[in-house]
């Protein structure tokens, strides 16, 4: 029987020969290599985090050494590099590790304040430069030569699209709180409301049944009210608006605190109220201001708030509208986070 089973192949199985024999040591080597690669990857990510932290903290240190924050080669380079670093796109894990770093947390309030002050200095410098133009054409040419003019056009276009996604009618009356000495957003917004074919098509009555009030709103020339607490900023922006001639028509100005703007002008007459990124430094400050502003707005009007995301929150504070207090007064409609050279995020909310 053993002979038969052997001949039939029923007995002990034939030992299978591995065409590619590998020792246990080889298998361990593969596992070790995987561990090494994983470790190297983790090290590279940690080094990236530390590199970003060093860049942000060191830039803050150098900014503190400057004698002033007015435009100059040194500050231009420092802030340019900072904006470039903070505009990089990283995954959430890296971003959170950077923002939670103790050293970064320690400098953030001061860094944001420096950015705010330097931005105001930059705008005032350019407003004065633009106003040196001898003719309306030269004033316009100088305005459009502002280094970040295209960024403002892109941001305004993004905001207009966000507003139009939340309403059936393009706004005709807009208030901008925190307009500054160089009100580029207001000017770009005014041009879009006046001249953009797609926007103007949405100012026409949708049906014959629309009320007379709606018809009147559609026929109104757009108005942008600029509000700022700084007298120098309002003075410069008013002069600029007048120097721009036809392009500046529709711009109005009030010097007032954000929380008292409504005391000088009834915000209920506006379809949209903007809140600039530099209005309020902390979430608490911003929430307090927003509650005061929306208390003076009419139901259904839109509040546009500039925020930030990712590492860009090192430059501008991130705004959270999903708090219990704000949700009672606002209905969030749109949140847009740009991935391009536009730094600010956009939040559009409807007043309840």
Protein backbone atom coordinates (compact mmCIF):
# COMPACT_ATOMS: atom_id res chain seq x y z
CA UNK A 1 0.00 0.00 0.00
CA UNK A 2 2.74 2.51 0.77
CA UNK A 3 4.07 1.89 -2.75
CA UNK A 4 0.60 2.47 -4.25
CA UNK A 5 -0.10 5.60 -2.29
CA UNK A 6 3.30 6.87 -3.22
CA UNK A 7 2.72 6.17 -6.87
CA UNK A 8 -0.77 7.76 -6.79
CA UNK A 9 0.58 10.80 -4.96
CA UNK A 10 -1.72 10.21 -1.97
CA UNK A 11 1.03 9.87 0.61
CA UNK A 12 3.26 12.55 2.00
CA UNK A 13 2.96 15.73 -0.06
CA UNK A 14 5.80 16.75 -2.26
CA UNK A 15 7.71 19.62 -0.82
CA UNK A 16 7.01 22.80 -2.76
CA UNK A 17 10.09 24.57 -3.97
CA UNK A 18 9.99 28.39 -3.69
CA UNK A 19 11.28 29.85 -6.93
CA UNK A 20 12.36 32.94 -4.99
CA UNK A 21 13.60 31.72 -1.65
CA UNK A 22 13.75 34.32 1.12
CA UNK A 23 15.13 33.99 4.58
CA UNK A 24 13.38 35.26 7.70
CA UNK A 25 16.08 37.87 7.84
CA UNK A 26 14.91 39.23 4.47
CA UNK A 27 11.34 39.58 5.77
CA UNK A 28 12.54 41.45 8.80
CA UNK A 29 14.52 43.77 6.57
CA UNK A 30 11.36 44.70 4.63
CA UNK A 31 9.51 45.49 7.85
CA UNK A 32 12.44 47.46 9.16
CA UNK A 33 12.65 49.43 5.93
CA UNK A 34 8.96 50.28 6.18
CA UNK A 35 9.46 51.46 9.76
CA UNK A 36 12.46 53.52 8.73
CA UNK A 37 10.53 55.16 5.89
CA UNK A 38 7.62 55.89 8.19
CA UNK A 39 9.99 57.38 10.76
CA UNK A 40 11.69 59.51 8.11
CA UNK A 41 8.33 60.76 6.91
CA UNK A 42 7.32 61.69 10.45
CA UNK A 43 10.66 63.42 10.98
CA UNK A 44 10.20 65.40 7.75
CA UNK A 45 6.73 66.53 8.85
CA UNK A 46 8.00 67.54 12.27
CA UNK A 47 10.86 69.45 10.68
CA UNK A 48 8.33 71.24 8.46
CA UNK A 49 6.33 72.21 11.52
CA UNK A 50 9.44 73.50 13.29
CA UNK A 51 10.55 75.38 10.17
CA UNK A 52 7.19 77.15 9.96
CA UNK A 53 7.26 77.95 13.67
CA UNK A 54 10.77 79.41 13.41
CA UNK A 55 9.81 81.51 10.40
CA UNK A 56 6.75 83.00 12.10
CA UNK A 57 8.41 83.62 15.47
CA UNK A 58 11.65 85.00 13.98
CA UNK A 59 9.71 87.35 11.71
CA UNK A 60 7.84 88.69 14.72
CA UNK A 61 11.15 89.24 16.52
CA UNK A 62 12.57 91.17 13.56
CA UNK A 63 9.40 93.27 13.19
CA UNK A 64 9.68 94.35 16.82
CA UNK A 65 13.16 95.70 16.12
CA UNK A 66 11.96 98.11 13.41
CA UNK A 67 11.83 101.83 14.30
CA UNK A 68 8.43 102.22 12.57
CA UNK A 69 5.91 100.28 10.50
CA UNK A 70 5.72 102.62 7.53
CA UNK A 71 6.58 101.15 4.10
CA UNK A 72 10.34 100.60 3.73
CA UNK A 73 12.56 97.87 2.25
CA UNK A 74 13.06 96.06 5.57
CA UNK A 75 9.42 95.84 6.60
CA UNK A 76 8.28 95.15 3.03
CA UNK A 77 10.59 92.14 2.87
CA UNK A 78 9.64 90.83 6.31
CA UNK A 79 5.90 91.12 5.74
CA UNK A 80 6.18 89.80 2.20
CA UNK A 81 7.94 86.69 3.46
CA UNK A 82 5.45 86.29 6.31
CA UNK A 83 2.46 86.48 3.96
CA UNK A 84 4.12 83.95 1.63
CA UNK A 85 4.74 81.50 4.49
CA UNK A 86 1.25 81.89 5.94
CA UNK A 87 -0.37 81.48 2.52
CA UNK A 88 1.19 78.05 1.99
CA UNK A 89 -1.28 75.16 1.91
CA UNK A 90 -0.66 72.38 4.44
CA UNK A 91 -2.77 69.56 5.80
CA UNK A 92 -4.78 70.14 8.96
CA UNK A 93 -2.36 68.23 11.19
CA UNK A 94 0.60 70.47 10.31
CA UNK A 95 -1.49 73.64 10.61
CA UNK A 96 -2.82 72.70 14.03
CA UNK A 97 0.64 71.78 15.32
CA UNK A 98 2.01 75.16 14.20
CA UNK A 99 -0.88 77.19 15.61
CA UNK A 100 -0.83 75.28 18.91
CA UNK A 101 2.90 75.68 19.33
CA UNK A 102 3.64 77.54 22.55
CA UNK A 103 6.00 80.00 20.88
CA UNK A 104 3.51 80.83 18.14
CA UNK A 105 0.68 81.22 20.65
CA UNK A 106 2.82 83.67 22.60
CA UNK A 107 3.41 86.00 19.62
CA UNK A 108 0.07 85.77 17.78
CA UNK A 109 -1.73 88.72 19.46
CA UNK A 110 1.27 91.00 18.95
CA UNK A 111 1.88 89.74 15.40
CA UNK A 112 -1.71 90.39 14.34
CA UNK A 113 -1.55 93.87 15.86
CA UNK A 114 1.65 94.62 13.97
CA UNK A 115 0.07 93.38 10.73
CA UNK A 116 -2.96 95.60 11.32
CA UNK A 117 -0.87 98.68 12.04
CA UNK A 118 1.47 98.09 9.11
CA UNK A 119 -1.48 97.62 6.77
CA UNK A 120 -2.93 100.95 7.88
CA UNK A 121 0.46 102.62 7.37
CA UNK A 122 0.75 101.07 3.91
CA UNK A 123 -2.72 102.25 2.89
CA UNK A 124 -2.16 105.78 4.18
CA UNK A 125 1.20 105.96 2.38
CA UNK A 126 -0.38 104.92 -0.90
CA UNK A 127 -3.40 107.17 -0.47
CA UNK A 128 -1.02 110.13 -0.15
CA UNK A 129 1.00 108.93 -3.14
CA UNK A 130 -2.12 108.51 -5.29
CA UNK A 131 -3.41 111.97 -4.34
CA UNK A 132 -0.21 113.50 -5.70
CA UNK A 133 -1.54 112.76 -9.19
CA UNK A 134 -2.16 115.95 -11.12
CA UNK A 135 -5.08 114.72 -13.25
CA UNK A 136 -7.97 112.30 -12.80
CA UNK A 137 -6.28 109.91 -15.24
CA UNK A 138 -3.02 110.01 -13.29
CA UNK A 139 -4.88 109.42 -10.02
CA UNK A 140 -6.54 106.33 -11.52
CA UNK A 141 -3.22 105.12 -12.91
CA UNK A 142 -1.54 105.47 -9.52
CA UNK A 143 -4.45 103.75 -7.81
CA UNK A 144 -4.20 100.74 -10.11
CA UNK A 145 -0.42 100.56 -9.57
CA UNK A 146 -0.96 99.72 -5.89
CA UNK A 147 0.93 96.41 -5.39
CA UNK A 148 -2.13 94.53 -4.11
CA UNK A 149 -4.74 96.13 -6.36
CA UNK A 150 -5.35 92.88 -8.26
CA UNK A 151 -5.76 91.01 -4.97
CA UNK A 152 -8.51 93.44 -3.96
CA UNK A 153 -10.22 92.95 -7.31
CA UNK A 154 -10.07 89.17 -6.86
CA UNK A 155 -11.33 89.35 -3.27
CA UNK A 156 -14.17 91.70 -4.21
CA UNK A 157 -15.19 89.42 -7.08
CA UNK A 158 -15.22 86.49 -4.66
CA UNK A 159 -17.34 88.46 -2.20
CA UNK A 160 -19.80 89.65 -4.83
CA UNK A 161 -20.31 86.05 -6.01
CA UNK A 162 -20.81 84.97 -2.40
CA UNK A 163 -23.37 87.74 -1.83
CA UNK A 164 -25.24 86.87 -5.03
CA UNK A 165 -25.42 83.23 -3.96
CA UNK A 166 -27.30 84.31 -0.83
CA UNK A 167 -29.77 86.78 -2.36
CA UNK A 168 -31.94 87.08 -5.47
CA UNK A 169 -31.20 90.77 -5.91
CA UNK A 170 -27.82 92.46 -6.23
CA UNK A 171 -27.30 95.00 -3.44
CA UNK A 172 -27.62 98.70 -4.22
CA UNK A 173 -26.74 100.13 -0.81
CA UNK A 174 -23.68 98.80 1.02
CA UNK A 175 -21.99 99.95 4.23
CA UNK A 176 -18.33 99.08 4.82
CA UNK A 177 -17.20 99.25 8.45
CA UNK A 178 -13.42 99.65 8.79
CA UNK A 179 -12.85 101.06 5.30
CA UNK A 180 -9.43 102.60 6.06
CA UNK A 181 -7.54 105.35 4.22
CA UNK A 182 -7.43 103.42 0.93
CA UNK A 183 -10.96 102.02 0.41
CA UNK A 184 -10.10 99.67 -2.45
CA UNK A 185 -12.82 97.16 -1.66
CA UNK A 186 -15.46 99.89 -1.70
CA UNK A 187 -14.18 101.22 -5.03
CA UNK A 188 -13.97 97.76 -6.62
CA UNK A 189 -17.40 96.87 -5.25
CA UNK A 190 -18.89 100.10 -6.57
CA UNK A 191 -17.47 99.42 -10.04
CA UNK A 192 -18.90 95.90 -10.01
CA UNK A 193 -22.36 97.13 -8.96
CA UNK A 194 -22.28 99.87 -11.60
CA UNK A 195 -20.73 98.15 -14.57
CA UNK A 196 -20.67 94.35 -14.25
CA UNK A 197 -23.26 92.99 -16.67
CA UNK A 198 -23.92 89.84 -14.64
CA UNK A 199 -24.42 91.87 -11.46
CA UNK A 200 -26.63 94.49 -13.11
CA UNK A 201 -28.86 91.78 -14.58
CA UNK A 202 -29.76 90.84 -11.02
CA UNK A 203 -30.86 94.39 -10.16
CA UNK A 204 -33.82 94.16 -12.52
CA UNK A 205 -37.26 93.18 -11.18
CA UNK A 206 -37.73 89.42 -11.52
CA UNK A 207 -41.51 89.57 -12.13
CA UNK A 208 -44.22 92.12 -12.83
CA UNK A 209 -45.60 91.50 -9.37
CA UNK A 210 -42.63 93.05 -7.58
CA UNK A 211 -43.46 95.91 -5.24
CA UNK A 212 -42.77 99.54 -6.04
CA UNK A 213 -40.07 99.51 -3.37
CA UNK A 214 -38.27 96.73 -5.20
CA UNK A 215 -38.54 98.63 -8.49
CA UNK A 216 -37.13 101.75 -6.85
CA UNK A 217 -34.25 99.76 -5.37
CA UNK A 218 -33.43 98.30 -8.78
CA UNK A 219 -33.29 101.77 -10.36
CA UNK A 220 -31.10 103.32 -7.66
CA UNK A 221 -27.49 104.06 -8.37
CA UNK A 222 -25.31 102.01 -6.03
CA UNK A 223 -23.98 103.64 -2.88
CA UNK A 224 -21.15 102.47 -0.63
CA UNK A 225 -20.94 104.09 2.80
CA UNK A 226 -17.41 103.99 4.23
CA UNK A 227 -17.14 103.96 8.03
CA UNK A 228 -13.90 104.31 10.00
CA UNK A 229 -13.06 105.60 13.46
CA UNK A 230 -9.82 107.24 12.24
CA UNK A 231 -10.30 110.85 11.09
CA UNK A 232 -7.11 110.75 9.00
CA UNK A 233 -8.33 107.62 7.22
CA UNK A 234 -11.73 109.16 6.40
CA UNK A 235 -10.12 112.43 5.29
CA UNK A 236 -7.69 110.64 2.94
CA UNK A 237 -10.33 108.33 1.48
CA UNK A 238 -12.77 111.20 0.92
CA UNK A 239 -10.12 113.22 -0.93
CA UNK A 240 -9.25 110.14 -3.00
CA UNK A 241 -12.88 109.57 -3.90
CA UNK A 242 -13.26 113.16 -5.10
CA UNK A 243 -9.99 113.00 -7.07
CA UNK A 244 -11.23 109.89 -8.92
CA UNK A 245 -14.09 111.86 -10.43
CA UNK A 246 -16.81 109.68 -11.97
CA UNK A 247 -15.22 106.55 -10.57
CA UNK A 248 -15.67 107.84 -7.03
CA UNK A 249 -19.32 108.79 -7.40
CA UNK A 250 -21.48 106.81 -5.03
CA UNK A 251 -18.89 106.81 -2.24
CA UNK A 252 -20.05 108.27 1.08
CA UNK A 253 -18.12 108.64 4.35
CA UNK A 254 -18.67 108.73 8.10
CA UNK A 255 -16.07 108.96 10.86
CA UNK A 256 -17.40 106.76 13.65
CA UNK A 257 -16.63 103.75 15.80
CA UNK A 258 -17.94 100.45 14.46
CA UNK A 259 -20.35 100.11 17.38
CA UNK A 260 -21.67 103.66 16.99
CA UNK A 261 -21.85 103.84 13.20
CA UNK A 262 -25.60 103.39 13.33
CA UNK A 263 -25.92 106.47 15.53
CA UNK A 264 -24.75 108.57 12.58
CA UNK A 265 -26.50 106.58 9.87
CA UNK A 266 -29.40 104.13 9.98
CA UNK A 267 -27.96 100.76 8.96
CA UNK A 268 -31.45 99.44 8.24
CA UNK A 269 -31.35 101.22 4.87
CA UNK A 270 -28.47 99.01 3.66
CA UNK A 271 -28.80 95.71 1.82
CA UNK A 272 -25.32 94.59 2.86
CA UNK A 273 -23.00 95.60 5.68
CA UNK A 274 -19.32 94.63 5.51
CA UNK A 275 -17.09 94.14 8.52
CA UNK A 276 -13.40 94.47 7.63
CA UNK A 277 -10.85 91.92 8.83
CA UNK A 278 -9.19 94.47 11.11
CA UNK A 279 -12.38 95.41 12.96
CA UNK A 280 -11.85 93.69 16.30
CA UNK A 281 -8.75 91.68 17.06
CA UNK A 282 -10.24 88.81 19.06
CA UNK A 283 -13.34 86.63 18.65
CA UNK A 284 -14.84 88.31 21.71
CA UNK A 285 -14.24 91.79 20.26
CA UNK A 286 -15.69 90.82 16.90
CA UNK A 287 -18.75 89.15 18.40
CA UNK A 288 -19.52 92.22 20.49
CA UNK A 289 -19.22 94.51 17.46
CA UNK A 290 -21.29 92.19 15.24
CA UNK A 291 -24.12 92.03 17.76
CA UNK A 292 -24.22 95.81 17.95
CA UNK A 293 -24.13 96.20 14.16
CA UNK A 294 -26.78 93.61 13.34
CA UNK A 295 -29.09 95.06 15.99
CA UNK A 296 -29.29 98.13 13.70
CA UNK A 297 -29.71 96.18 10.46
CA UNK A 298 -33.02 95.13 8.98
CA UNK A 299 -34.16 91.54 8.91
CA UNK A 300 -33.05 89.75 5.75
CA UNK A 301 -30.07 92.06 5.12
CA UNK A 302 -26.67 90.45 4.69
CA UNK A 303 -23.59 90.78 6.89
CA UNK A 304 -20.28 90.09 5.13
CA UNK A 305 -17.41 89.30 7.49
CA UNK A 306 -13.80 88.86 6.48
CA UNK A 307 -12.08 86.00 8.23
CA UNK A 308 -9.11 83.69 7.68
CA UNK A 309 -8.20 80.03 7.69
CA UNK A 310 -5.14 77.82 8.09
CA UNK A 311 -1.87 79.61 8.77
CA UNK A 312 -3.43 82.81 7.40
CA UNK A 313 -4.97 83.19 10.83
CA UNK A 314 -1.51 84.34 11.94
CA UNK A 315 -2.19 87.49 9.89
CA UNK A 316 -5.90 87.98 10.54
CA UNK A 317 -8.03 86.44 13.29
CA UNK A 318 -10.38 83.66 12.30
CA UNK A 319 -14.06 84.46 12.89
CA UNK A 320 -16.56 81.93 14.18
CA UNK A 321 -20.22 82.74 13.46
CA UNK A 322 -21.43 79.41 14.84
CA UNK A 323 -21.59 80.60 18.43
CA UNK A 324 -24.80 80.26 20.39
CA UNK A 325 -25.22 84.04 20.69
CA UNK A 326 -24.57 84.85 17.02
CA UNK A 327 -26.71 82.01 15.68
CA UNK A 328 -29.70 83.55 17.42
CA UNK A 329 -29.27 86.69 15.30
CA UNK A 330 -27.58 85.44 12.13
CA UNK A 331 -28.21 82.68 9.59
CA UNK A 332 -24.83 81.70 8.05
CA UNK A 333 -25.23 81.37 4.27
CA UNK A 334 -21.80 81.09 2.66
CA UNK A 335 -18.23 80.50 3.82
CA UNK A 336 -15.42 80.67 1.24
CA UNK A 337 -11.75 79.85 1.91
CA UNK A 338 -9.49 80.89 -1.00
CA UNK A 339 -6.49 78.73 -1.85
CA UNK A 340 -4.87 81.33 -4.10
CA UNK A 341 -3.12 84.65 -3.39
CA UNK A 342 -6.25 86.07 -1.76
CA UNK A 343 -5.56 85.93 1.96
CA UNK A 344 -8.96 86.65 3.50
CA UNK A 345 -11.82 84.21 3.80
CA UNK A 346 -15.40 85.37 3.25
CA UNK A 347 -18.44 84.74 5.44
CA UNK A 348 -21.93 85.83 4.39
CA UNK A 349 -24.78 85.66 6.90
CA UNK A 350 -28.41 86.79 6.84
CA UNK A 351 -29.89 88.81 9.70
CA UNK A 352 -32.74 86.88 11.34
